[in-house]
Amino acid sequence: AIGTAGYTAMLCVLALEKHGIKPADGEILVTGANGGVGSVAIALLAKLGYKIVASTGRTSETEHLKALGASDIIDRA
């Protein structure tokens, strides 16, 4: 039901946690934020309390990324 993107995003989140990264440690940068893995990662990290900076080439999607849980949006350029 979660697909490859969801599975990959969750593996990334688990790797962060395995290395001791916690929400209180600061912002997390998610690149490729509008893609499948990036958008699921934003949603997962937001639910866990992380502050997310989303990097994207499609800044026109800012509102969508904020709805997923991103705090800030930056242009990948």
PDB file of N, CA and C in Angstrom:
ATOM      1  N   ALA A   1       0.809  -1.198   0.000  1.00  0.00           N
ATOM      2  CA  ALA A   1       0.000   0.000   0.000  1.00  0.00           C
ATOM      3  C   ALA A   1       0.855   1.265   0.000  1.00  0.00           C
ATOM      4  N   ILE A   2       2.053   1.199   0.556  1.00  0.00           N
ATOM      5  CA  ILE A   2       2.883   2.406   0.606  1.00  0.00           C
ATOM      6  C   ILE A   2       3.783   2.555  -0.613  1.00  0.00           C
ATOM      7  N   GLY A   3       3.988   1.504  -1.352  1.00  0.00           N
ATOM      8  CA  GLY A   3       4.794   1.569  -2.563  1.00  0.00           C
ATOM      9  C   GLY A   3       6.275   1.727  -2.292  1.00  0.00           C
ATOM     10  N   THR A   4       7.019   1.732  -3.379  1.00  0.00           N
ATOM     11  CA  THR A   4       8.475   1.843  -3.288  1.00  0.00           C
ATOM     12  C   THR A   4       8.906   3.175  -2.689  1.00  0.00           C
ATOM     13  N   ALA A   5       8.241   4.256  -3.078  1.00  0.00           N
ATOM     14  CA  ALA A   5       8.603   5.578  -2.552  1.00  0.00           C
ATOM     15  C   ALA A   5       8.402   5.636  -1.042  1.00  0.00           C
ATOM     16  N   GLY A   6       7.287   5.127  -0.566  1.00  0.00           N
ATOM     17  CA  GLY A   6       7.020   5.138   0.866  1.00  0.00           C
ATOM     18  C   GLY A   6       8.009   4.289   1.639  1.00  0.00           C
ATOM     19  N   TYR A   7       8.330   3.129   1.078  1.00  0.00           N
ATOM     20  CA  TYR A   7       9.293   2.234   1.717  1.00  0.00           C
ATOM     21  C   TYR A   7      10.668   2.899   1.791  1.00  0.00           C
ATOM     22  N   THR A   8      11.090   3.512   0.689  1.00  0.00           N
ATOM     23  CA  THR A   8      12.394   4.179   0.649  1.00  0.00           C
ATOM     24  C   THR A   8      12.442   5.353   1.623  1.00  0.00           C
ATOM     25  N   ALA A   9      11.377   6.137   1.659  1.00  0.00           N
ATOM     26  CA  ALA A   9      11.330   7.274   2.581  1.00  0.00           C
ATOM     27  C   ALA A   9      11.437   6.798   4.032  1.00  0.00           C
ATOM     28  N   MET A  10      10.730   5.728   4.358  1.00  0.00           N
ATOM     29  CA  MET A  10      10.773   5.219   5.728  1.00  0.00           C
ATOM     30  C   MET A  10      12.159   4.694   6.075  1.00  0.00           C
ATOM     31  N   LEU A  11      12.838   4.062   5.124  1.00  0.00           N
ATOM     32  CA  LEU A  11      14.216   3.615   5.374  1.00  0.00           C
ATOM     33  C   LEU A  11      15.118   4.806   5.684  1.00  0.00           C
ATOM     34  N   CYS A  12      14.898   5.909   5.005  1.00  0.00           N
ATOM     35  CA  CYS A  12      15.690   7.122   5.257  1.00  0.00           C
ATOM     36  C   CYS A  12      15.433   7.658   6.664  1.00  0.00           C
ATOM     37  N   VAL A  13      14.176   7.690   7.050  1.00  0.00           N
ATOM     38  CA  VAL A  13      13.829   8.168   8.387  1.00  0.00           C
ATOM     39  C   VAL A  13      14.422   7.249   9.454  1.00  0.00           C
ATOM     40  N   LEU A  14      14.334   5.952   9.240  1.00  0.00           N
ATOM     41  CA  LEU A  14      14.920   5.004  10.190  1.00  0.00           C
ATOM     42  C   LEU A  14      16.434   5.175  10.297  1.00  0.00           C
ATOM     43  N   ALA A  15      17.096   5.479   9.178  1.00  0.00           N
ATOM     44  CA  ALA A  15      18.546   5.703   9.203  1.00  0.00           C
ATOM     45  C   ALA A  15      18.892   6.947  10.018  1.00  0.00           C
ATOM     46  N   LEU A  16      18.107   7.993   9.879  1.00  0.00           N
ATOM     47  CA  LEU A  16      18.338   9.193  10.688  1.00  0.00           C
ATOM     48  C   LEU A  16      18.220   8.863  12.168  1.00  0.00           C
ATOM     49  N   GLU A  17      17.163   8.141  12.510  1.00  0.00           N
ATOM     50  CA  GLU A  17      16.953   7.780  13.917  1.00  0.00           C
ATOM     51  C   GLU A  17      18.044   6.852  14.429  1.00  0.00           C
ATOM     52  N   LYS A  18      18.490   5.930  13.593  1.00  0.00           N
ATOM     53  CA  LYS A  18      19.561   5.011  13.990  1.00  0.00           C
ATOM     54  C   LYS A  18      20.849   5.767  14.326  1.00  0.00           C
ATOM     55  N   HIS A  19      21.070   6.869  13.634  1.00  0.00           N
ATOM     56  CA  HIS A  19      22.267   7.674  13.871  1.00  0.00           C
ATOM     57  C   HIS A  19      22.054   8.740  14.951  1.00  0.00           C
ATOM     58  N   GLY A  20      20.946   8.637  15.656  1.00  0.00           N
ATOM     59  CA  GLY A  20      20.713   9.503  16.809  1.00  0.00           C
ATOM     60  C   GLY A  20      20.172  10.886  16.497  1.00  0.00           C
ATOM     61  N   ILE A  21      19.719  11.123  15.267  1.00  0.00           N
ATOM     62  CA  ILE A  21      19.168  12.426  14.909  1.00  0.00           C
ATOM     63  C   ILE A  21      17.774  12.546  15.513  1.00  0.00           C
ATOM     64  N   LYS A  22      17.557  13.656  16.216  1.00  0.00           N
ATOM     65  CA  LYS A  22      16.281  13.895  16.876  1.00  0.00           C
ATOM     66  C   LYS A  22      15.722  15.247  16.427  1.00  0.00           C
ATOM     67  N   PRO A  23      14.411  15.452  16.551  1.00  0.00           N
ATOM     68  CA  PRO A  23      13.825  16.729  16.142  1.00  0.00           C
ATOM     69  C   PRO A  23      14.492  17.946  16.786  1.00  0.00           C
ATOM     70  N   ALA A  24      14.938  17.808  18.012  1.00  0.00           N
ATOM     71  CA  ALA A  24      15.571  18.926  18.719  1.00  0.00           C
ATOM     72  C   ALA A  24      16.947  19.283  18.150  1.00  0.00           C
ATOM     73  N   ASP A  25      17.496  18.431  17.291  1.00  0.00           N
ATOM     74  CA  ASP A  25      18.830  18.675  16.736  1.00  0.00           C
ATOM     75  C   ASP A  25      18.837  19.747  15.650  1.00  0.00           C
ATOM     76  N   GLY A  26      17.690  20.151  15.172  1.00  0.00           N
ATOM     77  CA  GLY A  26      17.625  21.201  14.155  1.00  0.00           C
ATOM     78  C   GLY A  26      16.877  20.760  12.919  1.00  0.00           C
ATOM     79  N   GLU A  27      17.004  21.571  11.896  1.00  0.00           N
ATOM     80  CA  GLU A  27      16.262  21.335  10.661  1.00  0.00           C
ATOM     81  C   GLU A  27      16.796  20.130   9.888  1.00  0.00           C
ATOM     82  N   ILE A  28      15.894  19.523   9.133  1.00  0.00           N
ATOM     83  CA  ILE A  28      16.231  18.436   8.224  1.00  0.00           C
ATOM     84  C   ILE A  28      15.969  18.929   6.811  1.00  0.00           C
ATOM     85  N   LEU A  29      16.947  18.800   5.925  1.00  0.00           N
ATOM     86  CA  LEU A  29      16.783  19.176   4.525  1.00  0.00           C
ATOM     87  C   LEU A  29      16.311  17.968   3.734  1.00  0.00           C
ATOM     88  N   VAL A  30      15.201  18.132   3.029  1.00  0.00           N
ATOM     89  CA  VAL A  30      14.696  17.088   2.147  1.00  0.00           C
ATOM     90  C   VAL A  30      14.846  17.590   0.717  1.00  0.00           C
ATOM     91  N   THR A  31      15.707  16.929  -0.052  1.00  0.00           N
ATOM     92  CA  THR A  31      15.873  17.291  -1.456  1.00  0.00           C
ATOM     93  C   THR A  31      14.890  16.484  -2.298  1.00  0.00           C
ATOM     94  N   GLY A  32      14.602  16.992  -3.484  1.00  0.00           N
ATOM     95  CA  GLY A  32      13.623  16.306  -4.318  1.00  0.00           C
ATOM     96  C   GLY A  32      12.261  16.272  -3.658  1.00  0.00           C
ATOM     97  N   ALA A  33      11.917  17.350  -2.992  1.00  0.00           N
ATOM     98  CA  ALA A  33      10.755  17.388  -2.117  1.00  0.00           C
ATOM     99  C   ALA A  33       9.425  17.113  -2.816  1.00  0.00           C
ATOM    100  N   ASN A  34       9.312  17.440  -4.086  1.00  0.00           N
ATOM    101  CA  ASN A  34       8.054  17.201  -4.797  1.00  0.00           C
ATOM    102  C   ASN A  34       7.959  15.809  -5.394  1.00  0.00           C
ATOM    103  N   GLY A  35       9.021  15.035  -5.307  1.00  0.00           N
ATOM    104  CA  GLY A  35       8.996  13.671  -5.823  1.00  0.00           C
ATOM    105  C   GLY A  35       8.325  12.724  -4.857  1.00  0.00           C
ATOM    106  N   GLY A  36       8.227  11.473  -5.254  1.00  0.00           N
ATOM    107  CA  GLY A  36       7.563  10.473  -4.426  1.00  0.00           C
ATOM    108  C   GLY A  36       8.233  10.259  -3.087  1.00  0.00           C
ATOM    109  N   VAL A  37       9.532   9.998  -3.100  1.00  0.00           N
ATOM    110  CA  VAL A  37      10.257   9.751  -1.846  1.00  0.00           C
ATOM    111  C   VAL A  37      10.291  11.006  -0.993  1.00  0.00           C
ATOM    112  N   GLY A  38      10.596  12.135  -1.621  1.00  0.00           N
ATOM    113  CA  GLY A  38      10.691  13.392  -0.875  1.00  0.00           C
ATOM    114  C   GLY A  38       9.395  13.785  -0.204  1.00  0.00           C
ATOM    115  N   SER A  39       8.291  13.670  -0.932  1.00  0.00           N
ATOM    116  CA  SER A  39       7.012  14.086  -0.350  1.00  0.00           C
ATOM    117  C   SER A  39       6.579  13.163   0.786  1.00  0.00           C
ATOM    118  N   VAL A  40       6.823  11.868   0.655  1.00  0.00           N
ATOM    119  CA  VAL A  40       6.494  10.950   1.756  1.00  0.00           C
ATOM    120  C   VAL A  40       7.421  11.207   2.944  1.00  0.00           C
ATOM    121  N   ALA A  41       8.693  11.480   2.668  1.00  0.00           N
ATOM    122  CA  ALA A  41       9.639  11.773   3.753  1.00  0.00           C
ATOM    123  C   ALA A  41       9.205  13.012   4.531  1.00  0.00           C
ATOM    124  N   ILE A  42       8.750  14.036   3.828  1.00  0.00           N
ATOM    125  CA  ILE A  42       8.278  15.243   4.506  1.00  0.00           C
ATOM    126  C   ILE A  42       7.109  14.903   5.429  1.00  0.00           C
ATOM    127  N   ALA A  43       6.153  14.160   4.929  1.00  0.00           N
ATOM    128  CA  ALA A  43       4.986  13.801   5.740  1.00  0.00           C
ATOM    129  C   ALA A  43       5.388  12.986   6.971  1.00  0.00           C
ATOM    130  N   LEU A  44       6.273  12.010   6.783  1.00  0.00           N
ATOM    131  CA  LEU A  44       6.715  11.180   7.909  1.00  0.00           C
ATOM    132  C   LEU A  44       7.479  12.005   8.944  1.00  0.00           C
ATOM    133  N   LEU A  45       8.443  12.788   8.474  1.00  0.00           N
ATOM    134  CA  LEU A  45       9.259  13.592   9.385  1.00  0.00           C
ATOM    135  C   LEU A  45       8.418  14.621  10.141  1.00  0.00           C
ATOM    136  N   ALA A  46       7.450  15.215   9.459  1.00  0.00           N
ATOM    137  CA  ALA A  46       6.587  16.201  10.110  1.00  0.00           C
ATOM    138  C   ALA A  46       5.787  15.548  11.233  1.00  0.00           C
ATOM    139  N   LYS A  47       5.263  14.356  10.989  1.00  0.00           N
ATOM    140  CA  LYS A  47       4.490  13.648  12.026  1.00  0.00           C
ATOM    141  C   LYS A  47       5.356  13.309  13.235  1.00  0.00           C
ATOM    142  N   LEU A  48       6.660  13.154  12.998  1.00  0.00           N
ATOM    143  CA  LEU A  48       7.580  12.833  14.088  1.00  0.00           C
ATOM    144  C   LEU A  48       8.111  14.078  14.794  1.00  0.00           C
ATOM    145  N   GLY A  49       7.721  15.264  14.318  1.00  0.00           N
ATOM    146  CA  GLY A  49       8.096  16.496  14.998  1.00  0.00           C
ATOM    147  C   GLY A  49       9.325  17.207  14.472  1.00  0.00           C
ATOM    148  N   TYR A  50       9.853  16.788  13.334  1.00  0.00           N
ATOM    149  CA  TYR A  50      11.020  17.443  12.756  1.00  0.00           C
ATOM    150  C   TYR A  50      10.624  18.733  12.057  1.00  0.00           C
ATOM    151  N   LYS A  51      11.544  19.707  12.045  1.00  0.00           N
ATOM    152  CA  LYS A  51      11.366  20.931  11.260  1.00  0.00           C
ATOM    153  C   LYS A  51      12.032  20.672   9.913  1.00  0.00           C
ATOM    154  N   ILE A  52      11.267  20.797   8.835  1.00  0.00           N
ATOM    155  CA  ILE A  52      11.734  20.381   7.518  1.00  0.00           C
ATOM    156  C   ILE A  52      11.916  21.573   6.599  1.00  0.00           C
ATOM    157  N   VAL A  53      13.076  21.594   5.933  1.00  0.00           N
ATOM    158  CA  VAL A  53      13.334  22.518   4.844  1.00  0.00           C
ATOM    159  C   VAL A  53      13.261  21.694   3.565  1.00  0.00           C
ATOM    160  N   ALA A  54      12.352  22.062   2.670  1.00  0.00           N
ATOM    161  CA  ALA A  54      12.147  21.322   1.432  1.00  0.00           C
ATOM    162  C   ALA A  54      12.869  22.025   0.285  1.00  0.00           C
ATOM    163  N   SER A  55      13.700  21.280  -0.424  1.00  0.00           N
ATOM    164  CA  SER A  55      14.398  21.802  -1.594  1.00  0.00           C
ATOM    165  C   SER A  55      13.718  21.261  -2.841  1.00  0.00           C
ATOM    166  N   THR A  56      13.383  22.172  -3.768  1.00  0.00           N
ATOM    167  CA  THR A  56      12.649  21.759  -4.951  1.00  0.00           C
ATOM    168  C   THR A  56      12.967  22.653  -6.143  1.00  0.00           C
ATOM    169  N   GLY A  57      12.806  22.103  -7.316  1.00  0.00           N
ATOM    170  CA  GLY A  57      12.919  22.886  -8.539  1.00  0.00           C
ATOM    171  C   GLY A  57      11.570  23.446  -8.953  1.00  0.00           C
ATOM    172  N   ARG A  58      10.541  23.050  -8.245  1.00  0.00           N
ATOM    173  CA  ARG A  58       9.179  23.512  -8.554  1.00  0.00           C
ATOM    174  C   ARG A  58       8.632  24.331  -7.387  1.00  0.00           C
ATOM    175  N   THR A  59       9.145  25.536  -7.240  1.00  0.00           N
ATOM    176  CA  THR A  59       8.715  26.390  -6.133  1.00  0.00           C
ATOM    177  C   THR A  59       7.255  26.793  -6.247  1.00  0.00           C
ATOM    178  N   SER A  60       6.647  26.568  -7.402  1.00  0.00           N
ATOM    179  CA  SER A  60       5.214  26.833  -7.548  1.00  0.00           C
ATOM    180  C   SER A  60       4.385  25.879  -6.682  1.00  0.00           C
ATOM    181  N   GLU A  61       5.002  24.817  -6.195  1.00  0.00           N
ATOM    182  CA  GLU A  61       4.330  23.827  -5.351  1.00  0.00           C
ATOM    183  C   GLU A  61       4.518  24.090  -3.857  1.00  0.00           C
ATOM    184  N   THR A  62       4.895  25.315  -3.514  1.00  0.00           N
ATOM    185  CA  THR A  62       5.171  25.672  -2.120  1.00  0.00           C
ATOM    186  C   THR A  62       4.029  25.316  -1.180  1.00  0.00           C
ATOM    187  N   GLU A  63       2.815  25.661  -1.554  1.00  0.00           N
ATOM    188  CA  GLU A  63       1.669  25.405  -0.664  1.00  0.00           C
ATOM    189  C   GLU A  63       1.456  23.903  -0.433  1.00  0.00           C
ATOM    190  N   HIS A  64       1.672  23.108  -1.473  1.00  0.00           N
ATOM    191  CA  HIS A  64       1.544  21.646  -1.328  1.00  0.00           C
ATOM    192  C   HIS A  64       2.584  21.117  -0.340  1.00  0.00           C
ATOM    193  N   LEU A  65       3.819  21.580  -0.478  1.00  0.00           N
ATOM    194  CA  LEU A  65       4.889  21.123   0.415  1.00  0.00           C
ATOM    195  C   LEU A  65       4.624  21.551   1.859  1.00  0.00           C
ATOM    196  N   LYS A  66       4.102  22.747   2.041  1.00  0.00           N
ATOM    197  CA  LYS A  66       3.759  23.201   3.396  1.00  0.00           C
ATOM    198  C   LYS A  66       2.614  22.378   3.971  1.00  0.00           C
ATOM    199  N   ALA A  67       1.665  21.988   3.114  1.00  0.00           N
ATOM    200  CA  ALA A  67       0.554  21.151   3.575  1.00  0.00           C
ATOM    201  C   ALA A  67       1.045  19.777   4.018  1.00  0.00           C
ATOM    202  N   LEU A  68       2.134  19.295   3.406  1.00  0.00           N
ATOM    203  CA  LEU A  68       2.719  18.013   3.813  1.00  0.00           C
ATOM    204  C   LEU A  68       3.459  18.125   5.142  1.00  0.00           C
ATOM    205  N   GLY A  69       3.899  19.358   5.477  1.00  0.00           N
ATOM    206  CA  GLY A  69       4.594  19.551   6.746  1.00  0.00           C
ATOM    207  C   GLY A  69       5.906  20.297   6.673  1.00  0.00           C
ATOM    208  N   ALA A  70       6.298  20.760   5.490  1.00  0.00           N
ATOM    209  CA  ALA A  70       7.551  21.508   5.375  1.00  0.00           C
ATOM    210  C   ALA A  70       7.395  22.886   6.021  1.00  0.00           C
ATOM    211  N   SER A  71       8.415  23.306   6.742  1.00  0.00           N
ATOM    212  CA  SER A  71       8.403  24.623   7.378  1.00  0.00           C
ATOM    213  C   SER A  71       8.896  25.709   6.423  1.00  0.00           C
ATOM    214  N   ASP A  72       9.916  25.382   5.664  1.00  0.00           N
ATOM    215  CA  ASP A  72      10.522  26.317   4.723  1.00  0.00           C
ATOM    216  C   ASP A  72      10.736  25.630   3.382  1.00  0.00           C
ATOM    217  N   ILE A  73      10.696  26.419   2.313  1.00  0.00           N
ATOM    218  CA  ILE A  73      10.914  25.910   0.966  1.00  0.00           C
ATOM    219  C   ILE A  73      12.073  26.693   0.360  1.00  0.00           C
ATOM    220  N   ILE A  74      13.028  25.979  -0.246  1.00  0.00           N
ATOM    221  CA  ILE A  74      14.123  26.660  -0.937  1.00  0.00           C
ATOM    222  C   ILE A  74      14.209  26.119  -2.366  1.00  0.00           C
ATOM    223  N   ASP A  75      14.626  26.990  -3.267  1.00  0.00           N
ATOM    224  CA  ASP A  75      14.815  26.597  -4.667  1.00  0.00           C
ATOM    225  C   ASP A  75      16.115  25.825  -4.774  1.00  0.00           C
ATOM    226  N   ARG A  76      16.090  24.703  -5.454  1.00  0.00           N
ATOM    227  CA  ARG A  76      17.300  23.877  -5.557  1.00  0.00           C
ATOM    228  C   ARG A  76      18.429  24.599  -6.304  1.00  0.00           C
ATOM    229  N   ALA A  77      18.072  25.604  -7.100  1.00  0.00           N
ATOM    230  CA  ALA A  77      19.105  26.370  -7.806  1.00  0.00           C
ATOM    231  C   ALA A  77      19.906  27.192  -6.817  1.00  0.00           C
TER     232      ALA A  77
END
